[in-house]
């Protein structure tokens, strides 16, 4: 059955789309913002944004002949209020939801199909292979995501170490005071800077052994002891899952809407 209201359709999308928890929160905020814009009202900001109920918006308003003009006008108003980068990010979230709704027959056409991301006044240069440039890296590191992702992303950026090596770190190898990991003879040093140093003690939180980066649930039987936290029983975070989370979380920042790879976050060696 086709949902009647935009907010209900948005929750169906957020529940069914393959999004990480961090990305789901970002998308929910963006879609809630669109609900205000599409009825001609100013979205709440700051402290007023938290807990504010979006206005009632019939989903049918996005399926009529004037729907493309309605979306284009809302996009222009939002860009004027918050700038092209934020507006482009929110447009990416809306378009992802619109495509999902169209695929299910809830809308007959995408009313944002004719919209393109706005150019920015000072575009950041793209990184290697279309990855984020310096300005976008700052936006990535400012995303509201779980602490585990925050620490890993800062560590990838600051250490220059292979991602697999970072995911293999154990708590008892960390030298927090000197911002480095204790390494075996012949191993390349592994050091980090202020961003990681600020967050890492919060992630360790009293643990003395086991993997640094843990999954969100207990490890299944058969997982080697070295890949299991002795305190919580949770397993070591895999490269595949870490990469999926990063790509999903950065999709709203990517003008193409695809998200970036963890490798693109690594700081170029000089």
C-alpha atoms as a PDB file:
ATOM      1  CA  UNK A   1       0.000   0.000   0.000  1.00  0.00           C
ATOM      2  CA  UNK A   2       1.332   3.443  -0.935  1.00  0.00           C
ATOM      3  CA  UNK A   3       1.939   5.669   2.121  1.00  0.00           C
ATOM      4  CA  UNK A   4      -0.172   8.828   2.204  1.00  0.00           C
ATOM      5  CA  UNK A   5       2.302  11.022   4.048  1.00  0.00           C
ATOM      6  CA  UNK A   6       5.878  12.018   3.153  1.00  0.00           C
ATOM      7  CA  UNK A   7       7.171  11.312   6.686  1.00  0.00           C
ATOM      8  CA  UNK A   8       5.769   7.771   6.640  1.00  0.00           C
ATOM      9  CA  UNK A   9       7.271   7.124   3.204  1.00  0.00           C
ATOM     10  CA  UNK A  10      10.587   8.480   4.497  1.00  0.00           C
ATOM     11  CA  UNK A  11      10.594   6.040   7.419  1.00  0.00           C
ATOM     12  CA  UNK A  12       9.839   3.145   5.062  1.00  0.00           C
ATOM     13  CA  UNK A  13      12.802   4.193   2.932  1.00  0.00           C
ATOM     14  CA  UNK A  14      15.134   4.559   5.914  1.00  0.00           C
ATOM     15  CA  UNK A  15      14.124   1.142   7.218  1.00  0.00           C
ATOM     16  CA  UNK A  16      14.510  -0.599   3.861  1.00  0.00           C
ATOM     17  CA  UNK A  17      17.540   1.101   2.318  1.00  0.00           C
ATOM     18  CA  UNK A  18      21.008  -0.426   2.890  1.00  0.00           C
ATOM     19  CA  UNK A  19      22.297   2.407   5.095  1.00  0.00           C
ATOM     20  CA  UNK A  20      24.605   2.368   8.077  1.00  0.00           C
ATOM     21  CA  UNK A  21      23.211   3.797  11.317  1.00  0.00           C
ATOM     22  CA  UNK A  22      25.201   7.012  10.922  1.00  0.00           C
ATOM     23  CA  UNK A  23      23.990   7.546   7.371  1.00  0.00           C
ATOM     24  CA  UNK A  24      20.420   6.757   8.382  1.00  0.00           C
ATOM     25  CA  UNK A  25      20.531   9.583  10.930  1.00  0.00           C
ATOM     26  CA  UNK A  26      21.963  12.002   8.349  1.00  0.00           C
ATOM     27  CA  UNK A  27      19.334  11.032   5.787  1.00  0.00           C
ATOM     28  CA  UNK A  28      16.504  11.328   8.328  1.00  0.00           C
ATOM     29  CA  UNK A  29      17.562  14.882   9.195  1.00  0.00           C
ATOM     30  CA  UNK A  30      17.810  15.812   5.507  1.00  0.00           C
ATOM     31  CA  UNK A  31      14.408  14.330   4.643  1.00  0.00           C
ATOM     32  CA  UNK A  32      12.798  16.035   7.631  1.00  0.00           C
ATOM     33  CA  UNK A  33      14.279  19.312   6.388  1.00  0.00           C
ATOM     34  CA  UNK A  34      12.726  18.703   2.972  1.00  0.00           C
ATOM     35  CA  UNK A  35       9.302  18.225   4.564  1.00  0.00           C
ATOM     36  CA  UNK A  36       9.458  21.794   5.899  1.00  0.00           C
ATOM     37  CA  UNK A  37      10.793  23.190   2.637  1.00  0.00           C
ATOM     38  CA  UNK A  38       8.191  21.497   0.440  1.00  0.00           C
ATOM     39  CA  UNK A  39       5.308  23.127   2.317  1.00  0.00           C
ATOM     40  CA  UNK A  40       6.974  26.530   2.117  1.00  0.00           C
ATOM     41  CA  UNK A  41       8.117  26.737   5.731  1.00  0.00           C
ATOM     42  CA  UNK A  42      11.554  27.412   7.207  1.00  0.00           C
ATOM     43  CA  UNK A  43      13.136  24.331   8.820  1.00  0.00           C
ATOM     44  CA  UNK A  44      14.007  24.752  12.508  1.00  0.00           C
ATOM     45  CA  UNK A  45      17.688  25.074  13.298  1.00  0.00           C
ATOM     46  CA  UNK A  46      20.020  24.691  16.229  1.00  0.00           C
ATOM     47  CA  UNK A  47      18.469  23.472  19.477  1.00  0.00           C
ATOM     48  CA  UNK A  48      14.968  23.880  18.030  1.00  0.00           C
ATOM     49  CA  UNK A  49      15.706  21.202  15.427  1.00  0.00           C
ATOM     50  CA  UNK A  50      15.956  18.386  17.964  1.00  0.00           C
ATOM     51  CA  UNK A  51      12.597  16.723  18.429  1.00  0.00           C
ATOM     52  CA  UNK A  52      10.733  19.104  16.108  1.00  0.00           C
ATOM     53  CA  UNK A  53       7.889  17.245  14.385  1.00  0.00           C
ATOM     54  CA  UNK A  54       7.912  17.792  10.608  1.00  0.00           C
ATOM     55  CA  UNK A  55       4.773  19.231   9.019  1.00  0.00           C
ATOM     56  CA  UNK A  56       2.223  16.985   7.354  1.00  0.00           C
ATOM     57  CA  UNK A  57       3.087  16.652   3.660  1.00  0.00           C
ATOM     58  CA  UNK A  58       0.969  14.429   1.393  1.00  0.00           C
ATOM     59  CA  UNK A  59       3.251  12.263  -0.715  1.00  0.00           C
ATOM     60  CA  UNK A  60       0.924  12.994  -3.663  1.00  0.00           C
ATOM     61  CA  UNK A  61       2.312  16.550  -3.790  1.00  0.00           C
ATOM     62  CA  UNK A  62       5.509  15.032  -5.202  1.00  0.00           C
ATOM     63  CA  UNK A  63       3.606  13.247  -7.959  1.00  0.00           C
ATOM     64  CA  UNK A  64       1.628  16.054  -9.624  1.00  0.00           C
ATOM     65  CA  UNK A  65       2.499  18.168 -12.671  1.00  0.00           C
ATOM     66  CA  UNK A  66       3.770  21.008 -10.478  1.00  0.00           C
ATOM     67  CA  UNK A  67       5.966  18.722  -8.329  1.00  0.00           C
ATOM     68  CA  UNK A  68       9.243  19.432 -10.213  1.00  0.00           C
ATOM     69  CA  UNK A  69       8.714  23.189  -9.789  1.00  0.00           C
ATOM     70  CA  UNK A  70       7.892  22.724  -6.105  1.00  0.00           C
ATOM     71  CA  UNK A  71      11.097  20.737  -5.492  1.00  0.00           C
ATOM     72  CA  UNK A  72      13.226  23.151  -7.561  1.00  0.00           C
ATOM     73  CA  UNK A  73      11.890  26.162  -5.653  1.00  0.00           C
ATOM     74  CA  UNK A  74      12.535  24.472  -2.307  1.00  0.00           C
ATOM     75  CA  UNK A  75      16.065  23.569  -3.390  1.00  0.00           C
ATOM     76  CA  UNK A  76      16.795  27.155  -4.466  1.00  0.00           C
ATOM     77  CA  UNK A  77      15.438  28.507  -1.180  1.00  0.00           C
ATOM     78  CA  UNK A  78      17.524  26.056   0.828  1.00  0.00           C
ATOM     79  CA  UNK A  79      20.702  26.871  -1.109  1.00  0.00           C
ATOM     80  CA  UNK A  80      20.151  30.581  -0.494  1.00  0.00           C
ATOM     81  CA  UNK A  81      19.747  29.937   3.228  1.00  0.00           C
ATOM     82  CA  UNK A  82      22.554  27.454   3.941  1.00  0.00           C
ATOM     83  CA  UNK A  83      24.823  27.473   0.896  1.00  0.00           C
ATOM     84  CA  UNK A  84      25.354  25.138  -2.039  1.00  0.00           C
ATOM     85  CA  UNK A  85      27.293  22.414  -0.201  1.00  0.00           C
ATOM     86  CA  UNK A  86      24.648  21.743   2.432  1.00  0.00           C
ATOM     87  CA  UNK A  87      21.817  22.050  -0.086  1.00  0.00           C
ATOM     88  CA  UNK A  88      23.565  19.641  -2.466  1.00  0.00           C
ATOM     89  CA  UNK A  89      24.048  17.144   0.367  1.00  0.00           C
ATOM     90  CA  UNK A  90      20.353  17.306   1.264  1.00  0.00           C
ATOM     91  CA  UNK A  91      19.358  17.007  -2.402  1.00  0.00           C
ATOM     92  CA  UNK A  92      21.398  13.803  -2.642  1.00  0.00           C
ATOM     93  CA  UNK A  93      19.437  12.328   0.297  1.00  0.00           C
ATOM     94  CA  UNK A  94      16.094  13.335  -1.213  1.00  0.00           C
ATOM     95  CA  UNK A  95      16.956  11.907  -4.625  1.00  0.00           C
ATOM     96  CA  UNK A  96      17.963   8.593  -3.080  1.00  0.00           C
ATOM     97  CA  UNK A  97      14.567   8.399  -1.353  1.00  0.00           C
ATOM     98  CA  UNK A  98      12.688   9.478  -4.493  1.00  0.00           C
ATOM     99  CA  UNK A  99      14.360   6.756  -6.553  1.00  0.00           C
ATOM    100  CA  UNK A 100      13.449   4.195  -3.898  1.00  0.00           C
ATOM    101  CA  UNK A 101       9.811   5.349  -3.872  1.00  0.00           C
ATOM    102  CA  UNK A 102       9.613   5.329  -7.676  1.00  0.00           C
ATOM    103  CA  UNK A 103      10.978   1.775  -7.766  1.00  0.00           C
ATOM    104  CA  UNK A 104       8.084   0.700  -5.551  1.00  0.00           C
ATOM    105  CA  UNK A 105       5.463   2.505  -7.605  1.00  0.00           C
ATOM    106  CA  UNK A 106       4.686   5.062  -4.900  1.00  0.00           C
ATOM    107  CA  UNK A 107       5.579   7.869  -7.323  1.00  0.00           C
ATOM    108  CA  UNK A 108       5.129   7.793 -11.074  1.00  0.00           C
ATOM    109  CA  UNK A 109       8.203   9.953 -11.738  1.00  0.00           C
ATOM    110  CA  UNK A 110      11.136  11.533  -9.911  1.00  0.00           C
ATOM    111  CA  UNK A 111      10.292  15.245  -9.458  1.00  0.00           C
ATOM    112  CA  UNK A 112      13.963  16.045  -8.809  1.00  0.00           C
ATOM    113  CA  UNK A 113      15.230  14.321 -11.957  1.00  0.00           C
ATOM    114  CA  UNK A 114      15.986  17.635 -13.639  1.00  0.00           C
ATOM    115  CA  UNK A 115      17.911  19.120 -10.720  1.00  0.00           C
ATOM    116  CA  UNK A 116      21.680  19.110 -10.649  1.00  0.00           C
ATOM    117  CA  UNK A 117      24.004  19.897  -7.731  1.00  0.00           C
ATOM    118  CA  UNK A 118      24.888  23.566  -7.573  1.00  0.00           C
ATOM    119  CA  UNK A 119      28.467  24.698  -8.144  1.00  0.00           C
ATOM    120  CA  UNK A 120      30.160  25.924  -5.007  1.00  0.00           C
ATOM    121  CA  UNK A 121      31.931  29.230  -4.672  1.00  0.00           C
ATOM    122  CA  UNK A 122      35.242  27.580  -3.844  1.00  0.00           C
ATOM    123  CA  UNK A 123      35.100  23.935  -4.881  1.00  0.00           C
ATOM    124  CA  UNK A 124      37.463  21.580  -3.156  1.00  0.00           C
ATOM    125  CA  UNK A 125      39.759  19.668  -5.409  1.00  0.00           C
ATOM    126  CA  UNK A 126      38.943  16.015  -5.604  1.00  0.00           C
ATOM    127  CA  UNK A 127      41.380  13.565  -4.136  1.00  0.00           C
ATOM    128  CA  UNK A 128      42.842  10.520  -5.891  1.00  0.00           C
ATOM    129  CA  UNK A 129      40.350   8.507  -7.965  1.00  0.00           C
ATOM    130  CA  UNK A 130      37.574  11.041  -7.377  1.00  0.00           C
ATOM    131  CA  UNK A 131      37.911  10.860  -3.609  1.00  0.00           C
ATOM    132  CA  UNK A 132      37.322  13.747  -1.223  1.00  0.00           C
ATOM    133  CA  UNK A 133      39.612  16.771  -1.352  1.00  0.00           C
ATOM    134  CA  UNK A 134      40.910  18.513   1.764  1.00  0.00           C
ATOM    135  CA  UNK A 135      37.768  20.528   2.419  1.00  0.00           C
ATOM    136  CA  UNK A 136      35.537  17.499   1.992  1.00  0.00           C
ATOM    137  CA  UNK A 137      37.785  15.442   4.267  1.00  0.00           C
ATOM    138  CA  UNK A 138      37.084  17.985   7.003  1.00  0.00           C
ATOM    139  CA  UNK A 139      33.362  17.549   6.323  1.00  0.00           C
ATOM    140  CA  UNK A 140      33.740  13.751   6.543  1.00  0.00           C
ATOM    141  CA  UNK A 141      35.525  13.951   9.881  1.00  0.00           C
ATOM    142  CA  UNK A 142      32.799  16.291  11.161  1.00  0.00           C
ATOM    143  CA  UNK A 143      29.978  13.827  10.374  1.00  0.00           C
ATOM    144  CA  UNK A 144      27.908  12.673  13.353  1.00  0.00           C
ATOM    145  CA  UNK A 145      28.758   8.970  13.390  1.00  0.00           C
ATOM    146  CA  UNK A 146      29.469   6.426  16.153  1.00  0.00           C
ATOM    147  CA  UNK A 147      32.706   6.859  18.104  1.00  0.00           C
ATOM    148  CA  UNK A 148      34.217   3.716  16.585  1.00  0.00           C
ATOM    149  CA  UNK A 149      33.941   5.173  13.067  1.00  0.00           C
ATOM    150  CA  UNK A 150      35.221   8.568  14.228  1.00  0.00           C
ATOM    151  CA  UNK A 151      38.374   7.010  15.691  1.00  0.00           C
ATOM    152  CA  UNK A 152      39.037   4.766  12.693  1.00  0.00           C
ATOM    153  CA  UNK A 153      38.599   7.591  10.191  1.00  0.00           C
ATOM    154  CA  UNK A 154      40.895   9.933  12.099  1.00  0.00           C
ATOM    155  CA  UNK A 155      43.451   7.140  12.426  1.00  0.00           C
ATOM    156  CA  UNK A 156      43.306   6.377   8.701  1.00  0.00           C
ATOM    157  CA  UNK A 157      43.809  10.053   7.956  1.00  0.00           C
ATOM    158  CA  UNK A 158      46.571  10.740  10.451  1.00  0.00           C
ATOM    159  CA  UNK A 159      48.642   7.553  10.565  1.00  0.00           C
ATOM    160  CA  UNK A 160      49.154   6.768   6.888  1.00  0.00           C
ATOM    161  CA  UNK A 161      49.086   3.077   7.843  1.00  0.00           C
ATOM    162  CA  UNK A 162      47.267   0.439   5.763  1.00  0.00           C
ATOM    163  CA  UNK A 163      43.651   0.097   6.859  1.00  0.00           C
ATOM    164  CA  UNK A 164      44.080  -3.637   7.431  1.00  0.00           C
ATOM    165  CA  UNK A 165      46.879  -2.888   9.894  1.00  0.00           C
ATOM    166  CA  UNK A 166      44.715  -0.403  11.788  1.00  0.00           C
ATOM    167  CA  UNK A 167      41.847  -2.877  12.071  1.00  0.00           C
ATOM    168  CA  UNK A 168      44.323  -5.469  13.392  1.00  0.00           C
ATOM    169  CA  UNK A 169      45.349  -3.207  16.298  1.00  0.00           C
ATOM    170  CA  UNK A 170      44.895  -4.597  19.792  1.00  0.00           C
ATOM    171  CA  UNK A 171      44.285  -2.433  22.834  1.00  0.00           C
ATOM    172  CA  UNK A 172      47.375  -3.668  24.651  1.00  0.00           C
ATOM    173  CA  UNK A 173      49.607  -2.397  21.819  1.00  0.00           C
ATOM    174  CA  UNK A 174      48.507   1.230  22.240  1.00  0.00           C
ATOM    175  CA  UNK A 175      50.785   3.829  23.802  1.00  0.00           C
ATOM    176  CA  UNK A 176      48.230   6.573  24.338  1.00  0.00           C
ATOM    177  CA  UNK A 177      50.590   8.944  26.119  1.00  0.00           C
ATOM    178  CA  UNK A 178      53.022   9.013  23.195  1.00  0.00           C
ATOM    179  CA  UNK A 179      50.382   8.810  20.434  1.00  0.00           C
ATOM    180  CA  UNK A 180      51.730   5.624  18.926  1.00  0.00           C
ATOM    181  CA  UNK A 181      51.347   1.854  18.838  1.00  0.00           C
ATOM    182  CA  UNK A 182      54.048  -0.428  20.160  1.00  0.00           C
ATOM    183  CA  UNK A 183      55.464  -2.296  17.191  1.00  0.00           C
ATOM    184  CA  UNK A 184      57.578  -5.388  16.743  1.00  0.00           C
ATOM    185  CA  UNK A 185      61.189  -5.178  15.551  1.00  0.00           C
ATOM    186  CA  UNK A 186      61.311  -4.303  11.883  1.00  0.00           C
ATOM    187  CA  UNK A 187      57.731  -2.996  11.759  1.00  0.00           C
ATOM    188  CA  UNK A 188      57.068   0.475  10.452  1.00  0.00           C
ATOM    189  CA  UNK A 189      56.185   2.936  13.272  1.00  0.00           C
ATOM    190  CA  UNK A 190      52.484   3.692  13.692  1.00  0.00           C
ATOM    191  CA  UNK A 191      51.758   7.155  15.066  1.00  0.00           C
ATOM    192  CA  UNK A 192      48.798   9.515  15.101  1.00  0.00           C
ATOM    193  CA  UNK A 193      47.990  13.154  15.754  1.00  0.00           C
ATOM    194  CA  UNK A 194      45.596  15.255  17.790  1.00  0.00           C
ATOM    195  CA  UNK A 195      42.267  14.160  16.335  1.00  0.00           C
ATOM    196  CA  UNK A 196      42.902  10.503  17.109  1.00  0.00           C
ATOM    197  CA  UNK A 197      44.582  11.307  20.438  1.00  0.00           C
ATOM    198  CA  UNK A 198      41.459  13.154  21.608  1.00  0.00           C
ATOM    199  CA  UNK A 199      39.044  10.327  20.750  1.00  0.00           C
ATOM    200  CA  UNK A 200      41.019   7.138  21.255  1.00  0.00           C
ATOM    201  CA  UNK A 201      40.866   7.018  25.088  1.00  0.00           C
ATOM    202  CA  UNK A 202      37.065   7.238  24.862  1.00  0.00           C
ATOM    203  CA  UNK A 203      36.976   4.188  22.590  1.00  0.00           C
ATOM    204  CA  UNK A 204      39.348   2.182  24.799  1.00  0.00           C
ATOM    205  CA  UNK A 205      37.255   3.053  27.885  1.00  0.00           C
ATOM    206  CA  UNK A 206      39.137   0.891  30.385  1.00  0.00           C
ATOM    207  CA  UNK A 207      39.731  -2.125  28.145  1.00  0.00           C
ATOM    208  CA  UNK A 208      43.188  -3.635  28.503  1.00  0.00           C
ATOM    209  CA  UNK A 209      43.212  -6.366  25.852  1.00  0.00           C
ATOM    210  CA  UNK A 210      41.495  -7.552  22.703  1.00  0.00           C
ATOM    211  CA  UNK A 211      40.784  -5.856  19.383  1.00  0.00           C
ATOM    212  CA  UNK A 212      40.604  -2.059  19.347  1.00  0.00           C
ATOM    213  CA  UNK A 213      37.800  -1.888  16.775  1.00  0.00           C
ATOM    214  CA  UNK A 214      34.871  -4.137  17.677  1.00  0.00           C
ATOM    215  CA  UNK A 215      31.672  -5.224  16.001  1.00  0.00           C
ATOM    216  CA  UNK A 216      28.329  -4.226  17.495  1.00  0.00           C
ATOM    217  CA  UNK A 217      27.436  -7.734  18.659  1.00  0.00           C
ATOM    218  CA  UNK A 218      29.021 -10.780  20.259  1.00  0.00           C
ATOM    219  CA  UNK A 219      31.267 -12.823  18.014  1.00  0.00           C
ATOM    220  CA  UNK A 220      29.837 -16.156  16.805  1.00  0.00           C
ATOM    221  CA  UNK A 221      31.340 -19.416  17.970  1.00  0.00           C
ATOM    222  CA  UNK A 222      34.525 -20.291  16.138  1.00  0.00           C
ATOM    223  CA  UNK A 223      35.975 -16.773  16.032  1.00  0.00           C
ATOM    224  CA  UNK A 224      39.619 -16.995  17.201  1.00  0.00           C
ATOM    225  CA  UNK A 225      40.262 -15.711  20.693  1.00  0.00           C
ATOM    226  CA  UNK A 226      42.649 -13.064  19.382  1.00  0.00           C
ATOM    227  CA  UNK A 227      39.741 -11.542  17.400  1.00  0.00           C
ATOM    228  CA  UNK A 228      37.351 -11.456  20.346  1.00  0.00           C
ATOM    229  CA  UNK A 229      37.128  -8.913  23.163  1.00  0.00           C
ATOM    230  CA  UNK A 230      37.670 -10.748  26.488  1.00  0.00           C
ATOM    231  CA  UNK A 231      35.451  -8.221  28.272  1.00  0.00           C
ATOM    232  CA  UNK A 232      32.411  -7.984  25.951  1.00  0.00           C
ATOM    233  CA  UNK A 233      32.747 -11.038  23.691  1.00  0.00           C
ATOM    234  CA  UNK A 234      32.373  -8.835  20.622  1.00  0.00           C
ATOM    235  CA  UNK A 235      34.438  -9.613  17.540  1.00  0.00           C
ATOM    236  CA  UNK A 236      37.009  -7.635  15.592  1.00  0.00           C
ATOM    237  CA  UNK A 237      35.566  -5.218  13.005  1.00  0.00           C
ATOM    238  CA  UNK A 238      36.181  -6.492   9.471  1.00  0.00           C
ATOM    239  CA  UNK A 239      37.589  -4.451   6.621  1.00  0.00           C
ATOM    240  CA  UNK A 240      34.484  -5.105   4.543  1.00  0.00           C
ATOM    241  CA  UNK A 241      32.129  -3.751   7.197  1.00  0.00           C
ATOM    242  CA  UNK A 242      34.331  -0.725   7.897  1.00  0.00           C
ATOM    243  CA  UNK A 243      34.420   0.084   4.180  1.00  0.00           C
ATOM    244  CA  UNK A 244      30.636  -0.295   3.815  1.00  0.00           C
ATOM    245  CA  UNK A 245      29.999   2.045   6.737  1.00  0.00           C
ATOM    246  CA  UNK A 246      32.331   4.706   5.373  1.00  0.00           C
ATOM    247  CA  UNK A 247      30.875   4.620   1.867  1.00  0.00           C
ATOM    248  CA  UNK A 248      27.293   4.821   3.157  1.00  0.00           C
ATOM    249  CA  UNK A 249      28.093   7.650   5.578  1.00  0.00           C
ATOM    250  CA  UNK A 250      29.844   9.756   2.920  1.00  0.00           C
ATOM    251  CA  UNK A 251      27.171   9.339   0.227  1.00  0.00           C
ATOM    252  CA  UNK A 252      25.399  12.569   1.258  1.00  0.00           C
ATOM    253  CA  UNK A 253      28.698  14.477   0.862  1.00  0.00           C
ATOM    254  CA  UNK A 254      29.536  13.000  -2.539  1.00  0.00           C
ATOM    255  CA  UNK A 255      28.087  15.078  -5.424  1.00  0.00           C
ATOM    256  CA  UNK A 256      27.615  11.809  -7.312  1.00  0.00           C
ATOM    257  CA  UNK A 257      25.730  10.336  -4.340  1.00  0.00           C
ATOM    258  CA  UNK A 258      27.823   7.160  -4.282  1.00  0.00           C
ATOM    259  CA  UNK A 259      30.060   7.808  -1.299  1.00  0.00           C
ATOM    260  CA  UNK A 260      33.831   7.346  -1.101  1.00  0.00           C
ATOM    261  CA  UNK A 261      36.186   4.567  -0.083  1.00  0.00           C
ATOM    262  CA  UNK A 262      38.275   4.456   3.070  1.00  0.00           C
ATOM    263  CA  UNK A 263      41.419   4.476   0.930  1.00  0.00           C
ATOM    264  CA  UNK A 264      40.455   7.911  -0.393  1.00  0.00           C
ATOM    265  CA  UNK A 265      40.533   9.242   3.173  1.00  0.00           C
ATOM    266  CA  UNK A 266      44.210   8.398   3.681  1.00  0.00           C
ATOM    267  CA  UNK A 267      46.443  11.450   3.699  1.00  0.00           C
ATOM    268  CA  UNK A 268      48.790  11.500   0.680  1.00  0.00           C
ATOM    269  CA  UNK A 269      52.387  10.759   1.598  1.00  0.00           C
ATOM    270  CA  UNK A 270      54.825  13.579   0.962  1.00  0.00           C
END
